[in-house]
Amino acid sequence: MRVQVSEDAVEVLLSRWEKALGLLGNITVARVDVSDVQVMEEPMREVMGTGIKVGLRVPWLYFVARTIRLDEAWLVRRGVPALSFAVHNKGALRRVVVCTPDAQALAQRLTSSQA
C-alpha cells in the first residue's frame, strides 16, 4: 500500500491482493474533507481494540479491514507508524488509519495546509 498526498486529495493505493483479501478498494479523500490528523506510533494496539472487522486480518501482524459499521478503515502492519485522519463527505467512512514510514511527514504536510 502507498499513501499519496497532493494539493487536492489524500489517496491510499492498495495492491491487487490487498484489495481482494481486504475487501477494500483504493481510498481517495479530498483534502478539504480531511481533519483531525494524527500519527499513531503503535496502530496495531489501537486496531485490536476496535471490535469486529471485515477483511484481511492477521492479529498483531497485519490488517487491511473495515469495521462492521464501515465507518473506519484500518490498513496497518506491526512495527510501522500510521497516519490517522477523520473523513467527511465520504459515505459511512469516518476515519482512515494507514501505516506508512512517512506518517510524521505526511501528517505535518496535512496539518500545515489546514492552518
N, C-alpha and C. Protein backbone atom coordinates (compact mmCIF):
# COMPACT_ATOMS: atom_id res chain seq x y z
N MET A 1 0.84 -1.18 0.00
CA MET A 1 0.00 0.00 0.00
C MET A 1 0.88 1.24 0.00
N ARG A 2 0.36 2.28 -0.61
CA ARG A 2 1.07 3.55 -0.69
C ARG A 2 0.10 4.67 -0.31
N VAL A 3 0.65 5.72 0.29
CA VAL A 3 -0.15 6.90 0.62
C VAL A 3 0.43 8.07 -0.18
N GLN A 4 -0.44 8.76 -0.90
CA GLN A 4 -0.03 9.92 -1.68
C GLN A 4 -0.87 11.12 -1.25
N VAL A 5 -0.20 12.24 -1.03
CA VAL A 5 -0.89 13.48 -0.69
C VAL A 5 -0.58 14.49 -1.79
N SER A 6 -1.65 14.96 -2.42
CA SER A 6 -1.50 16.00 -3.45
C SER A 6 -2.14 17.28 -2.92
N GLU A 7 -2.17 18.31 -3.73
CA GLU A 7 -2.81 19.56 -3.32
C GLU A 7 -4.31 19.38 -3.15
N ASP A 8 -4.89 18.39 -3.84
CA ASP A 8 -6.34 18.21 -3.85
C ASP A 8 -6.85 17.05 -3.02
N ALA A 9 -6.02 16.00 -2.82
CA ALA A 9 -6.56 14.78 -2.22
C ALA A 9 -5.50 14.00 -1.46
N VAL A 10 -6.00 13.11 -0.61
CA VAL A 10 -5.19 12.08 0.06
C VAL A 10 -5.64 10.76 -0.55
N GLU A 11 -4.69 9.99 -1.05
CA GLU A 11 -5.01 8.71 -1.68
C GLU A 11 -4.28 7.58 -0.96
N VAL A 12 -5.02 6.52 -0.69
CA VAL A 12 -4.44 5.28 -0.17
C VAL A 12 -4.59 4.27 -1.30
N LEU A 13 -3.46 3.86 -1.86
CA LEU A 13 -3.45 2.97 -3.02
C LEU A 13 -3.04 1.57 -2.58
N LEU A 14 -3.91 0.61 -2.82
CA LEU A 14 -3.68 -0.76 -2.40
C LEU A 14 -3.22 -1.63 -3.56
N SER A 15 -2.48 -2.68 -3.23
CA SER A 15 -2.11 -3.65 -4.26
C SER A 15 -3.33 -4.51 -4.58
N ARG A 16 -3.25 -5.27 -5.65
CA ARG A 16 -4.38 -6.13 -6.04
C ARG A 16 -4.76 -7.11 -4.94
N TRP A 17 -3.75 -7.73 -4.34
CA TRP A 17 -4.06 -8.73 -3.31
C TRP A 17 -4.64 -8.08 -2.06
N GLU A 18 -4.20 -6.88 -1.72
CA GLU A 18 -4.79 -6.18 -0.57
C GLU A 18 -6.25 -5.84 -0.84
N LYS A 19 -6.55 -5.43 -2.06
CA LYS A 19 -7.94 -5.13 -2.43
C LYS A 19 -8.80 -6.39 -2.33
N ALA A 20 -8.31 -7.49 -2.87
CA ALA A 20 -9.09 -8.72 -2.90
C ALA A 20 -9.29 -9.31 -1.50
N LEU A 21 -8.21 -9.47 -0.76
CA LEU A 21 -8.30 -10.09 0.56
C LEU A 21 -8.85 -9.14 1.63
N GLY A 22 -8.63 -7.85 1.43
CA GLY A 22 -9.10 -6.87 2.40
C GLY A 22 -10.51 -6.38 2.15
N LEU A 23 -11.09 -6.81 1.02
CA LEU A 23 -12.45 -6.39 0.66
C LEU A 23 -12.57 -4.86 0.61
N LEU A 24 -11.52 -4.21 0.14
CA LEU A 24 -11.47 -2.75 0.04
C LEU A 24 -10.98 -2.34 -1.33
N GLY A 25 -11.27 -1.12 -1.70
CA GLY A 25 -10.68 -0.53 -2.89
C GLY A 25 -9.76 0.60 -2.46
N ASN A 26 -9.15 1.26 -3.42
CA ASN A 26 -8.36 2.44 -3.11
C ASN A 26 -9.25 3.46 -2.43
N ILE A 27 -8.67 4.25 -1.54
CA ILE A 27 -9.42 5.28 -0.83
C ILE A 27 -8.89 6.64 -1.27
N THR A 28 -9.76 7.50 -1.77
CA THR A 28 -9.39 8.85 -2.16
C THR A 28 -10.30 9.82 -1.43
N VAL A 29 -9.71 10.76 -0.72
CA VAL A 29 -10.47 11.74 0.06
C VAL A 29 -9.96 13.14 -0.31
N ALA A 30 -10.87 14.04 -0.64
CA ALA A 30 -10.49 15.42 -0.92
C ALA A 30 -9.86 16.03 0.34
N ARG A 31 -8.82 16.82 0.17
CA ARG A 31 -8.13 17.40 1.34
C ARG A 31 -9.06 18.27 2.18
N VAL A 32 -10.03 18.90 1.57
CA VAL A 32 -10.96 19.73 2.35
C VAL A 32 -11.84 18.87 3.25
N ASP A 33 -11.93 17.56 2.98
CA ASP A 33 -12.73 16.64 3.78
C ASP A 33 -11.91 15.87 4.81
N VAL A 34 -10.64 16.27 5.01
CA VAL A 34 -9.74 15.62 5.96
C VAL A 34 -9.56 16.52 7.17
N SER A 35 -9.67 15.94 8.37
CA SER A 35 -9.43 16.70 9.60
C SER A 35 -8.86 15.75 10.66
N ASP A 36 -8.59 16.28 11.83
CA ASP A 36 -8.10 15.50 12.98
C ASP A 36 -6.95 14.57 12.58
N VAL A 37 -5.93 15.13 11.97
CA VAL A 37 -4.77 14.35 11.51
C VAL A 37 -3.87 14.05 12.69
N GLN A 38 -3.47 12.78 12.82
CA GLN A 38 -2.60 12.34 13.92
C GLN A 38 -1.63 11.29 13.42
N VAL A 39 -0.58 11.08 14.18
CA VAL A 39 0.34 9.96 13.94
C VAL A 39 0.17 8.99 15.09
N MET A 40 0.00 7.71 14.76
CA MET A 40 -0.09 6.65 15.76
C MET A 40 1.21 5.87 15.71
N GLU A 41 1.93 5.84 16.82
CA GLU A 41 3.19 5.10 16.87
C GLU A 41 2.95 3.60 16.96
N GLU A 42 1.85 3.19 17.60
CA GLU A 42 1.54 1.77 17.75
C GLU A 42 0.11 1.51 17.28
N PRO A 43 -0.14 1.57 15.98
CA PRO A 43 -1.51 1.40 15.49
C PRO A 43 -2.08 0.00 15.72
N MET A 44 -1.22 -1.00 15.81
CA MET A 44 -1.71 -2.36 16.00
C MET A 44 -2.45 -2.49 17.33
N ARG A 45 -1.96 -1.83 18.35
CA ARG A 45 -2.63 -1.85 19.65
C ARG A 45 -4.03 -1.23 19.53
N GLU A 46 -4.13 -0.15 18.77
CA GLU A 46 -5.42 0.52 18.58
C GLU A 46 -6.40 -0.34 17.79
N VAL A 47 -5.94 -0.95 16.70
CA VAL A 47 -6.84 -1.73 15.85
C VAL A 47 -7.39 -2.94 16.60
N MET A 48 -6.59 -3.53 17.46
CA MET A 48 -7.05 -4.71 18.20
C MET A 48 -8.19 -4.35 19.16
N GLY A 49 -8.32 -3.08 19.53
CA GLY A 49 -9.37 -2.68 20.45
C GLY A 49 -10.61 -2.10 19.80
N THR A 50 -10.70 -2.14 18.48
CA THR A 50 -11.83 -1.50 17.80
C THR A 50 -13.01 -2.42 17.54
N GLY A 51 -12.91 -3.68 17.90
CA GLY A 51 -14.04 -4.58 17.69
C GLY A 51 -13.93 -5.37 16.40
N ILE A 52 -15.05 -5.92 15.99
CA ILE A 52 -15.09 -6.81 14.83
C ILE A 52 -14.77 -6.04 13.55
N LYS A 53 -13.94 -6.67 12.70
CA LYS A 53 -13.55 -6.06 11.44
C LYS A 53 -13.82 -7.03 10.29
N VAL A 54 -14.04 -6.49 9.09
CA VAL A 54 -14.26 -7.28 7.89
C VAL A 54 -13.09 -7.06 6.96
N GLY A 55 -12.49 -8.13 6.46
CA GLY A 55 -11.37 -8.02 5.54
C GLY A 55 -10.23 -8.92 5.96
N LEU A 56 -9.03 -8.58 5.54
CA LEU A 56 -7.83 -9.35 5.86
C LEU A 56 -7.38 -9.02 7.27
N ARG A 57 -7.32 -10.05 8.10
CA ARG A 57 -6.91 -9.86 9.50
C ARG A 57 -5.91 -10.93 9.90
N VAL A 58 -4.73 -10.52 10.26
CA VAL A 58 -3.74 -11.40 10.86
C VAL A 58 -3.40 -10.74 12.19
N PRO A 59 -4.10 -11.14 13.28
CA PRO A 59 -3.96 -10.44 14.56
C PRO A 59 -2.51 -10.21 14.98
N TRP A 60 -2.26 -8.98 15.45
CA TRP A 60 -0.98 -8.48 15.93
C TRP A 60 0.08 -8.43 14.83
N LEU A 61 -0.33 -8.58 13.54
CA LEU A 61 0.65 -8.53 12.47
C LEU A 61 0.23 -7.62 11.32
N TYR A 62 -1.00 -7.79 10.79
CA TYR A 62 -1.39 -7.10 9.56
C TYR A 62 -2.91 -7.01 9.46
N PHE A 63 -3.42 -5.84 9.16
CA PHE A 63 -4.85 -5.64 8.95
C PHE A 63 -5.08 -4.78 7.71
N VAL A 64 -5.94 -5.24 6.82
CA VAL A 64 -6.50 -4.42 5.75
C VAL A 64 -7.99 -4.68 5.86
N ALA A 65 -8.66 -3.86 6.64
CA ALA A 65 -10.04 -4.17 7.02
C ALA A 65 -10.82 -2.93 7.39
N ARG A 66 -12.14 -3.11 7.45
CA ARG A 66 -13.04 -2.05 7.92
C ARG A 66 -13.86 -2.60 9.08
N THR A 67 -14.33 -1.70 9.92
CA THR A 67 -15.21 -2.12 10.99
C THR A 67 -16.54 -2.56 10.38
N ILE A 68 -17.30 -3.32 11.13
CA ILE A 68 -18.59 -3.83 10.65
C ILE A 68 -19.50 -2.69 10.20
N ARG A 69 -19.48 -1.57 10.91
CA ARG A 69 -20.31 -0.42 10.52
C ARG A 69 -19.75 0.33 9.31
N LEU A 70 -18.57 -0.10 8.83
CA LEU A 70 -17.89 0.50 7.68
C LEU A 70 -17.46 1.95 7.90
N ASP A 71 -17.39 2.36 9.17
CA ASP A 71 -17.04 3.75 9.45
C ASP A 71 -15.54 3.98 9.65
N GLU A 72 -14.76 2.91 9.80
CA GLU A 72 -13.31 3.04 9.96
C GLU A 72 -12.60 2.07 9.04
N ALA A 73 -11.56 2.54 8.37
CA ALA A 73 -10.70 1.68 7.55
C ALA A 73 -9.34 1.59 8.24
N TRP A 74 -8.88 0.36 8.44
CA TRP A 74 -7.61 0.10 9.10
C TRP A 74 -6.69 -0.61 8.12
N LEU A 75 -5.58 0.01 7.76
CA LEU A 75 -4.60 -0.57 6.85
C LEU A 75 -3.27 -0.49 7.57
N VAL A 76 -3.04 -1.44 8.47
CA VAL A 76 -1.91 -1.33 9.39
C VAL A 76 -1.10 -2.62 9.45
N ARG A 77 0.18 -2.44 9.77
CA ARG A 77 1.06 -3.59 9.99
C ARG A 77 1.96 -3.28 11.19
N ARG A 78 2.37 -4.33 11.84
CA ARG A 78 3.17 -4.21 13.06
C ARG A 78 4.51 -3.53 12.76
N GLY A 79 4.90 -2.64 13.67
CA GLY A 79 6.20 -2.01 13.59
C GLY A 79 6.30 -0.79 12.70
N VAL A 80 5.17 -0.34 12.12
CA VAL A 80 5.19 0.81 11.23
C VAL A 80 4.22 1.86 11.77
N PRO A 81 4.65 3.12 11.92
CA PRO A 81 3.72 4.15 12.41
C PRO A 81 2.59 4.38 11.39
N ALA A 82 1.50 4.94 11.87
CA ALA A 82 0.34 5.14 11.00
C ALA A 82 -0.09 6.59 10.97
N LEU A 83 -0.61 6.99 9.82
CA LEU A 83 -1.27 8.27 9.63
C LEU A 83 -2.75 8.03 9.87
N SER A 84 -3.34 8.79 10.77
CA SER A 84 -4.76 8.66 11.09
C SER A 84 -5.43 9.99 10.78
N PHE A 85 -6.59 9.91 10.12
CA PHE A 85 -7.31 11.15 9.84
C PHE A 85 -8.80 10.91 9.77
N ALA A 86 -9.57 11.93 10.20
CA ALA A 86 -11.02 11.89 10.10
C ALA A 86 -11.43 12.26 8.69
N VAL A 87 -12.57 11.70 8.26
CA VAL A 87 -13.06 11.89 6.89
C VAL A 87 -14.48 12.45 6.95
N HIS A 88 -14.76 13.42 6.10
CA HIS A 88 -16.11 13.98 5.97
C HIS A 88 -16.58 13.79 4.53
N ASN A 89 -17.88 13.68 4.34
CA ASN A 89 -18.49 13.59 3.00
C ASN A 89 -18.02 12.40 2.18
N LYS A 90 -17.84 11.25 2.83
CA LYS A 90 -17.39 10.04 2.13
C LYS A 90 -18.26 8.85 2.53
N GLY A 91 -19.57 9.04 2.51
CA GLY A 91 -20.49 7.96 2.87
C GLY A 91 -20.35 7.60 4.34
N ALA A 92 -20.31 6.30 4.63
CA ALA A 92 -20.22 5.83 6.01
C ALA A 92 -18.83 6.01 6.60
N LEU A 93 -17.82 6.15 5.76
CA LEU A 93 -16.43 6.22 6.23
C LEU A 93 -16.20 7.50 7.04
N ARG A 94 -15.69 7.33 8.28
CA ARG A 94 -15.44 8.46 9.17
C ARG A 94 -13.96 8.61 9.56
N ARG A 95 -13.18 7.51 9.48
CA ARG A 95 -11.77 7.57 9.88
C ARG A 95 -10.97 6.57 9.06
N VAL A 96 -9.76 6.99 8.67
CA VAL A 96 -8.81 6.12 7.98
C VAL A 96 -7.53 6.09 8.80
N VAL A 97 -7.00 4.89 9.00
CA VAL A 97 -5.72 4.70 9.67
C VAL A 97 -4.87 3.85 8.74
N VAL A 98 -3.75 4.41 8.28
CA VAL A 98 -2.91 3.70 7.30
C VAL A 98 -1.44 3.80 7.68
N CYS A 99 -0.77 2.65 7.70
CA CYS A 99 0.65 2.63 8.04
C CYS A 99 1.51 3.10 6.88
N THR A 100 2.49 3.91 7.22
CA THR A 100 3.47 4.37 6.25
C THR A 100 4.69 4.86 7.01
N PRO A 101 5.88 4.54 6.52
CA PRO A 101 7.08 5.05 7.19
C PRO A 101 7.13 6.58 7.18
N ASP A 102 6.38 7.20 6.29
CA ASP A 102 6.35 8.66 6.15
C ASP A 102 5.21 9.31 6.94
N ALA A 103 4.66 8.62 7.91
CA ALA A 103 3.48 9.12 8.63
C ALA A 103 3.70 10.52 9.22
N GLN A 104 4.83 10.74 9.86
CA GLN A 104 5.09 12.03 10.50
C GLN A 104 5.15 13.16 9.47
N ALA A 105 5.86 12.96 8.38
CA ALA A 105 5.99 13.99 7.34
C ALA A 105 4.64 14.27 6.68
N LEU A 106 3.88 13.22 6.41
CA LEU A 106 2.56 13.40 5.78
C LEU A 106 1.62 14.14 6.72
N ALA A 107 1.66 13.81 8.01
CA ALA A 107 0.81 14.49 8.98
C ALA A 107 1.16 15.98 9.05
N GLN A 108 2.44 16.29 9.05
CA GLN A 108 2.86 17.70 9.07
C GLN A 108 2.38 18.43 7.82
N ARG A 109 2.49 17.77 6.69
CA ARG A 109 2.05 18.37 5.43
C ARG A 109 0.55 18.64 5.45
N LEU A 110 -0.23 17.68 5.98
CA LEU A 110 -1.68 17.86 6.02
C LEU A 110 -2.10 18.91 7.04
N THR A 111 -1.45 18.94 8.20
CA THR A 111 -1.85 19.91 9.22
C THR A 111 -1.39 21.32 8.86
N SER A 112 -0.26 21.45 8.16
CA SER A 112 0.19 22.80 7.78
C SER A 112 -0.75 23.41 6.76
N SER A 113 -1.37 22.59 5.94
CA SER A 113 -2.31 23.13 4.94
C SER A 113 -3.65 23.49 5.56
N GLN A 114 -3.95 22.93 6.75
CA GLN A 114 -5.21 23.23 7.42
C GLN A 114 -5.15 24.52 8.22
N ALA A 115 -3.95 24.96 8.53
CA ALA A 115 -3.77 26.16 9.38
C ALA A 115 -4.15 27.43 8.65
